[in-house]
């Protein structure tokens, strides 16, 4: 009887195990598809070193230094603007830039070109004095050739007597 009990138990456990098996699905799922990793999101905003990046960082008002008639001295307000620029150029040491010297329409072409050059060099010399390497700064004088304000009045002249900083890269 022990053999009958043992055989019965074996038969019962075989039937129990067979009942637990999974049956193959009627329809197989599709094979896995190879997918490429998602591309990294593109950086947004202006590129470092672009004029727009510079303007966004220092503020439009801090990109231009204004001068009195026939003057090229850097006053306290100009120093603050140039210090703001120096912070940017220290942070982004790969950026090179040009300081453009301008004059108002009064005076001869030669006089205004020389005055524009003195204004650009005054701004450059100040930046160099506070740690910006001179080899990163180019200067150019446009004299009275590129006014930002048209008109023959004090308001227009005041806007045109300037040194403007423009990034190169």
C-alpha atoms as a PDB file:
ATOM      1  CA  UNK A   1       0.000   0.000   0.000  1.00  0.00           C
ATOM      2  CA  UNK A   2       2.901   2.314   0.543  1.00  0.00           C
ATOM      3  CA  UNK A   3       3.724   2.075  -3.146  1.00  0.00           C
ATOM      4  CA  UNK A   4       0.138   2.907  -4.033  1.00  0.00           C
ATOM      5  CA  UNK A   5       0.189   5.930  -1.730  1.00  0.00           C
ATOM      6  CA  UNK A   6       3.598   7.020  -3.063  1.00  0.00           C
ATOM      7  CA  UNK A   7       2.426   6.599  -6.671  1.00  0.00           C
ATOM      8  CA  UNK A   8      -0.771   8.522  -5.929  1.00  0.00           C
ATOM      9  CA  UNK A   9       1.136  11.340  -4.296  1.00  0.00           C
ATOM     10  CA  UNK A  10       3.509  11.515  -7.259  1.00  0.00           C
ATOM     11  CA  UNK A  11       0.623  11.551  -9.676  1.00  0.00           C
ATOM     12  CA  UNK A  12      -1.183  14.244  -7.653  1.00  0.00           C
ATOM     13  CA  UNK A  13       1.931  16.458  -7.439  1.00  0.00           C
ATOM     14  CA  UNK A  14       2.573  16.027 -11.200  1.00  0.00           C
ATOM     15  CA  UNK A  15      -1.012  17.100 -11.946  1.00  0.00           C
ATOM     16  CA  UNK A  16      -0.694  20.030  -9.504  1.00  0.00           C
ATOM     17  CA  UNK A  17       2.560  21.189 -11.122  1.00  0.00           C
ATOM     18  CA  UNK A  18       1.107  20.830 -14.615  1.00  0.00           C
ATOM     19  CA  UNK A  19      -1.824  23.009 -13.608  1.00  0.00           C
ATOM     20  CA  UNK A  20       0.579  25.814 -12.494  1.00  0.00           C
ATOM     21  CA  UNK A  21       2.417  26.009 -15.813  1.00  0.00           C
ATOM     22  CA  UNK A  22       1.800  29.053 -17.988  1.00  0.00           C
ATOM     23  CA  UNK A  23       0.369  28.414 -21.370  1.00  0.00           C
ATOM     24  CA  UNK A  24       1.917  30.162 -24.386  1.00  0.00           C
ATOM     25  CA  UNK A  25      -0.096  33.217 -25.433  1.00  0.00           C
ATOM     26  CA  UNK A  26      -2.073  32.946 -28.613  1.00  0.00           C
ATOM     27  CA  UNK A  27      -0.272  35.975 -30.042  1.00  0.00           C
ATOM     28  CA  UNK A  28       3.392  36.812 -29.262  1.00  0.00           C
ATOM     29  CA  UNK A  29       4.389  40.421 -28.565  1.00  0.00           C
ATOM     30  CA  UNK A  30       6.647  42.109 -31.128  1.00  0.00           C
ATOM     31  CA  UNK A  31      10.389  41.800 -30.541  1.00  0.00           C
ATOM     32  CA  UNK A  32      12.078  44.720 -28.696  1.00  0.00           C
ATOM     33  CA  UNK A  33      13.053  47.658 -30.896  1.00  0.00           C
ATOM     34  CA  UNK A  34      16.515  49.201 -30.586  1.00  0.00           C
ATOM     35  CA  UNK A  35      16.093  52.876 -29.690  1.00  0.00           C
ATOM     36  CA  UNK A  36      18.748  55.571 -29.770  1.00  0.00           C
ATOM     37  CA  UNK A  37      19.195  57.545 -26.563  1.00  0.00           C
ATOM     38  CA  UNK A  38      17.278  60.810 -26.500  1.00  0.00           C
ATOM     39  CA  UNK A  39      19.461  63.718 -27.638  1.00  0.00           C
ATOM     40  CA  UNK A  40      20.570  66.154 -24.965  1.00  0.00           C
ATOM     41  CA  UNK A  41      18.481  69.306 -24.928  1.00  0.00           C
ATOM     42  CA  UNK A  42      20.059  72.145 -26.896  1.00  0.00           C
ATOM     43  CA  UNK A  43      21.259  75.090 -24.823  1.00  0.00           C
ATOM     44  CA  UNK A  44      18.885  78.020 -24.906  1.00  0.00           C
ATOM     45  CA  UNK A  45      19.697  81.687 -25.045  1.00  0.00           C
ATOM     46  CA  UNK A  46      22.469  83.572 -26.779  1.00  0.00           C
ATOM     47  CA  UNK A  47      25.887  81.971 -27.123  1.00  0.00           C
ATOM     48  CA  UNK A  48      28.618  82.951 -24.689  1.00  0.00           C
ATOM     49  CA  UNK A  49      30.668  85.734 -26.204  1.00  0.00           C
ATOM     50  CA  UNK A  50      27.941  86.975 -28.517  1.00  0.00           C
ATOM     51  CA  UNK A  51      26.951  90.627 -28.301  1.00  0.00           C
ATOM     52  CA  UNK A  52      23.508  89.645 -27.019  1.00  0.00           C
ATOM     53  CA  UNK A  53      25.035  87.497 -24.246  1.00  0.00           C
ATOM     54  CA  UNK A  54      27.279  90.414 -23.261  1.00  0.00           C
ATOM     55  CA  UNK A  55      24.350  92.877 -23.240  1.00  0.00           C
ATOM     56  CA  UNK A  56      22.179  90.461 -21.233  1.00  0.00           C
ATOM     57  CA  UNK A  57      24.969  90.012 -18.675  1.00  0.00           C
ATOM     58  CA  UNK A  58      26.011  93.638 -18.124  1.00  0.00           C
ATOM     59  CA  UNK A  59      22.896  95.537 -19.204  1.00  0.00           C
ATOM     60  CA  UNK A  60      22.530  97.690 -22.299  1.00  0.00           C
ATOM     61  CA  UNK A  61      23.329 100.896 -20.392  1.00  0.00           C
ATOM     62  CA  UNK A  62      26.691  99.462 -19.285  1.00  0.00           C
ATOM     63  CA  UNK A  63      28.007  98.745 -22.794  1.00  0.00           C
ATOM     64  CA  UNK A  64      28.555 102.407 -23.676  1.00  0.00           C
ATOM     65  CA  UNK A  65      30.584 105.127 -21.968  1.00  0.00           C
ATOM     66  CA  UNK A  66      29.571 108.714 -22.740  1.00  0.00           C
ATOM     67  CA  UNK A  67      31.861 111.750 -22.802  1.00  0.00           C
ATOM     68  CA  UNK A  68      31.548 115.517 -22.503  1.00  0.00           C
ATOM     69  CA  UNK A  69      32.366 117.755 -25.482  1.00  0.00           C
ATOM     70  CA  UNK A  70      36.024 117.463 -26.525  1.00  0.00           C
ATOM     71  CA  UNK A  71      36.739 115.153 -23.565  1.00  0.00           C
ATOM     72  CA  UNK A  72      37.987 111.589 -23.198  1.00  0.00           C
ATOM     73  CA  UNK A  73      38.347 111.231 -19.415  1.00  0.00           C
ATOM     74  CA  UNK A  74      36.806 108.291 -17.526  1.00  0.00           C
ATOM     75  CA  UNK A  75      34.665 109.603 -14.648  1.00  0.00           C
ATOM     76  CA  UNK A  76      33.190 107.679 -11.680  1.00  0.00           C
ATOM     77  CA  UNK A  77      30.025 106.670 -13.584  1.00  0.00           C
ATOM     78  CA  UNK A  78      32.145 105.413 -16.494  1.00  0.00           C
ATOM     79  CA  UNK A  79      34.335 103.452 -14.076  1.00  0.00           C
ATOM     80  CA  UNK A  80      31.291 101.629 -12.726  1.00  0.00           C
ATOM     81  CA  UNK A  81      30.203 100.684 -16.258  1.00  0.00           C
ATOM     82  CA  UNK A  82      33.675  99.499 -17.169  1.00  0.00           C
ATOM     83  CA  UNK A  83      33.957  97.514 -13.923  1.00  0.00           C
ATOM     84  CA  UNK A  84      30.733  95.721 -14.873  1.00  0.00           C
ATOM     85  CA  UNK A  85      32.261  94.927 -18.263  1.00  0.00           C
ATOM     86  CA  UNK A  86      35.480  93.755 -16.608  1.00  0.00           C
ATOM     87  CA  UNK A  87      33.513  91.289 -14.458  1.00  0.00           C
ATOM     88  CA  UNK A  88      32.010  89.793 -17.612  1.00  0.00           C
ATOM     89  CA  UNK A  89      35.336  89.648 -19.448  1.00  0.00           C
ATOM     90  CA  UNK A  90      37.033  88.096 -16.406  1.00  0.00           C
ATOM     91  CA  UNK A  91      34.360  85.401 -16.207  1.00  0.00           C
ATOM     92  CA  UNK A  92      34.543  84.664 -19.945  1.00  0.00           C
ATOM     93  CA  UNK A  93      38.277  84.871 -20.568  1.00  0.00           C
ATOM     94  CA  UNK A  94      37.954  83.466 -24.099  1.00  0.00           C
ATOM     95  CA  UNK A  95      35.950  86.485 -25.276  1.00  0.00           C
ATOM     96  CA  UNK A  96      37.750  89.205 -27.211  1.00  0.00           C
ATOM     97  CA  UNK A  97      36.197  92.559 -27.940  1.00  0.00           C
ATOM     98  CA  UNK A  98      36.490  95.927 -29.620  1.00  0.00           C
ATOM     99  CA  UNK A  99      35.996  99.340 -28.099  1.00  0.00           C
ATOM    100  CA  UNK A 100      34.665 101.735 -30.709  1.00  0.00           C
ATOM    101  CA  UNK A 101      35.410 105.438 -30.236  1.00  0.00           C
ATOM    102  CA  UNK A 102      32.861 107.943 -31.582  1.00  0.00           C
ATOM    103  CA  UNK A 103      32.423 111.714 -31.733  1.00  0.00           C
ATOM    104  CA  UNK A 104      29.572 114.068 -32.537  1.00  0.00           C
ATOM    105  CA  UNK A 105      29.258 115.801 -35.899  1.00  0.00           C
ATOM    106  CA  UNK A 106      31.028 119.003 -34.885  1.00  0.00           C
ATOM    107  CA  UNK A 107      34.682 119.367 -35.799  1.00  0.00           C
ATOM    108  CA  UNK A 108      36.716 118.144 -38.741  1.00  0.00           C
ATOM    109  CA  UNK A 109      36.860 114.523 -39.777  1.00  0.00           C
ATOM    110  CA  UNK A 110      40.514 114.257 -38.680  1.00  0.00           C
ATOM    111  CA  UNK A 111      39.849 115.872 -35.293  1.00  0.00           C
ATOM    112  CA  UNK A 112      36.895 113.559 -34.614  1.00  0.00           C
ATOM    113  CA  UNK A 113      38.820 110.433 -35.647  1.00  0.00           C
ATOM    114  CA  UNK A 114      41.626 111.400 -33.233  1.00  0.00           C
ATOM    115  CA  UNK A 115      39.107 112.174 -30.464  1.00  0.00           C
ATOM    116  CA  UNK A 116      37.294 108.863 -31.036  1.00  0.00           C
ATOM    117  CA  UNK A 117      40.633 107.059 -30.785  1.00  0.00           C
ATOM    118  CA  UNK A 118      41.466 108.797 -27.483  1.00  0.00           C
ATOM    119  CA  UNK A 119      38.022 107.824 -26.121  1.00  0.00           C
ATOM    120  CA  UNK A 120      38.405 104.173 -27.139  1.00  0.00           C
ATOM    121  CA  UNK A 121      41.920 104.048 -25.677  1.00  0.00           C
ATOM    122  CA  UNK A 122      40.776 105.676 -22.427  1.00  0.00           C
ATOM    123  CA  UNK A 123      38.200 102.902 -21.942  1.00  0.00           C
ATOM    124  CA  UNK A 124      40.733 100.231 -22.931  1.00  0.00           C
ATOM    125  CA  UNK A 125      43.392 101.607 -20.571  1.00  0.00           C
ATOM    126  CA  UNK A 126      40.938 101.590 -17.684  1.00  0.00           C
ATOM    127  CA  UNK A 127      39.968  97.951 -18.358  1.00  0.00           C
ATOM    128  CA  UNK A 128      43.647  96.977 -18.585  1.00  0.00           C
ATOM    129  CA  UNK A 129      44.347  98.815 -15.303  1.00  0.00           C
ATOM    130  CA  UNK A 130      41.775  96.618 -13.532  1.00  0.00           C
ATOM    131  CA  UNK A 131      43.070  93.335 -14.917  1.00  0.00           C
ATOM    132  CA  UNK A 132      41.741  92.676 -18.422  1.00  0.00           C
ATOM    133  CA  UNK A 133      44.637  91.644 -20.710  1.00  0.00           C
ATOM    134  CA  UNK A 134      45.346  94.251 -23.403  1.00  0.00           C
ATOM    135  CA  UNK A 135      45.703  91.569 -26.088  1.00  0.00           C
ATOM    136  CA  UNK A 136      41.971  90.799 -25.791  1.00  0.00           C
ATOM    137  CA  UNK A 137      40.959  94.401 -26.535  1.00  0.00           C
ATOM    138  CA  UNK A 138      40.962  96.014 -29.957  1.00  0.00           C
ATOM    139  CA  UNK A 139      40.208  99.694 -30.462  1.00  0.00           C
ATOM    140  CA  UNK A 140      38.849 101.504 -33.489  1.00  0.00           C
ATOM    141  CA  UNK A 141      37.769 105.090 -34.074  1.00  0.00           C
ATOM    142  CA  UNK A 142      34.833 105.970 -36.262  1.00  0.00           C
ATOM    143  CA  UNK A 143      34.936 109.666 -35.448  1.00  0.00           C
ATOM    144  CA  UNK A 144      31.633 111.189 -36.526  1.00  0.00           C
ATOM    145  CA  UNK A 145      30.955 108.562 -39.229  1.00  0.00           C
ATOM    146  CA  UNK A 146      28.586 106.294 -37.254  1.00  0.00           C
ATOM    147  CA  UNK A 147      26.148 108.380 -35.210  1.00  0.00           C
ATOM    148  CA  UNK A 148      23.482 106.623 -33.159  1.00  0.00           C
ATOM    149  CA  UNK A 149      21.364 109.760 -32.979  1.00  0.00           C
ATOM    150  CA  UNK A 150      20.700 111.956 -35.969  1.00  0.00           C
ATOM    151  CA  UNK A 151      20.256 115.630 -35.365  1.00  0.00           C
ATOM    152  CA  UNK A 152      22.201 118.789 -34.819  1.00  0.00           C
ATOM    153  CA  UNK A 153      21.326 119.461 -31.201  1.00  0.00           C
ATOM    154  CA  UNK A 154      22.805 118.822 -27.766  1.00  0.00           C
ATOM    155  CA  UNK A 155      20.727 115.676 -27.191  1.00  0.00           C
ATOM    156  CA  UNK A 156      21.964 113.994 -30.385  1.00  0.00           C
ATOM    157  CA  UNK A 157      25.545 115.158 -29.834  1.00  0.00           C
ATOM    158  CA  UNK A 158      25.580 113.771 -26.275  1.00  0.00           C
ATOM    159  CA  UNK A 159      24.497 110.313 -27.506  1.00  0.00           C
ATOM    160  CA  UNK A 160      27.161 110.282 -30.209  1.00  0.00           C
ATOM    161  CA  UNK A 161      30.133 111.178 -27.958  1.00  0.00           C
ATOM    162  CA  UNK A 162      30.815 107.643 -26.796  1.00  0.00           C
ATOM    163  CA  UNK A 163      32.993 104.555 -26.517  1.00  0.00           C
ATOM    164  CA  UNK A 164      30.971 101.417 -27.227  1.00  0.00           C
ATOM    165  CA  UNK A 165      32.110  97.889 -26.364  1.00  0.00           C
ATOM    166  CA  UNK A 166      31.355  95.220 -28.965  1.00  0.00           C
ATOM    167  CA  UNK A 167      32.236  91.545 -28.552  1.00  0.00           C
ATOM    168  CA  UNK A 168      34.101  89.822 -31.380  1.00  0.00           C
ATOM    169  CA  UNK A 169      33.309  86.161 -30.660  1.00  0.00           C
END
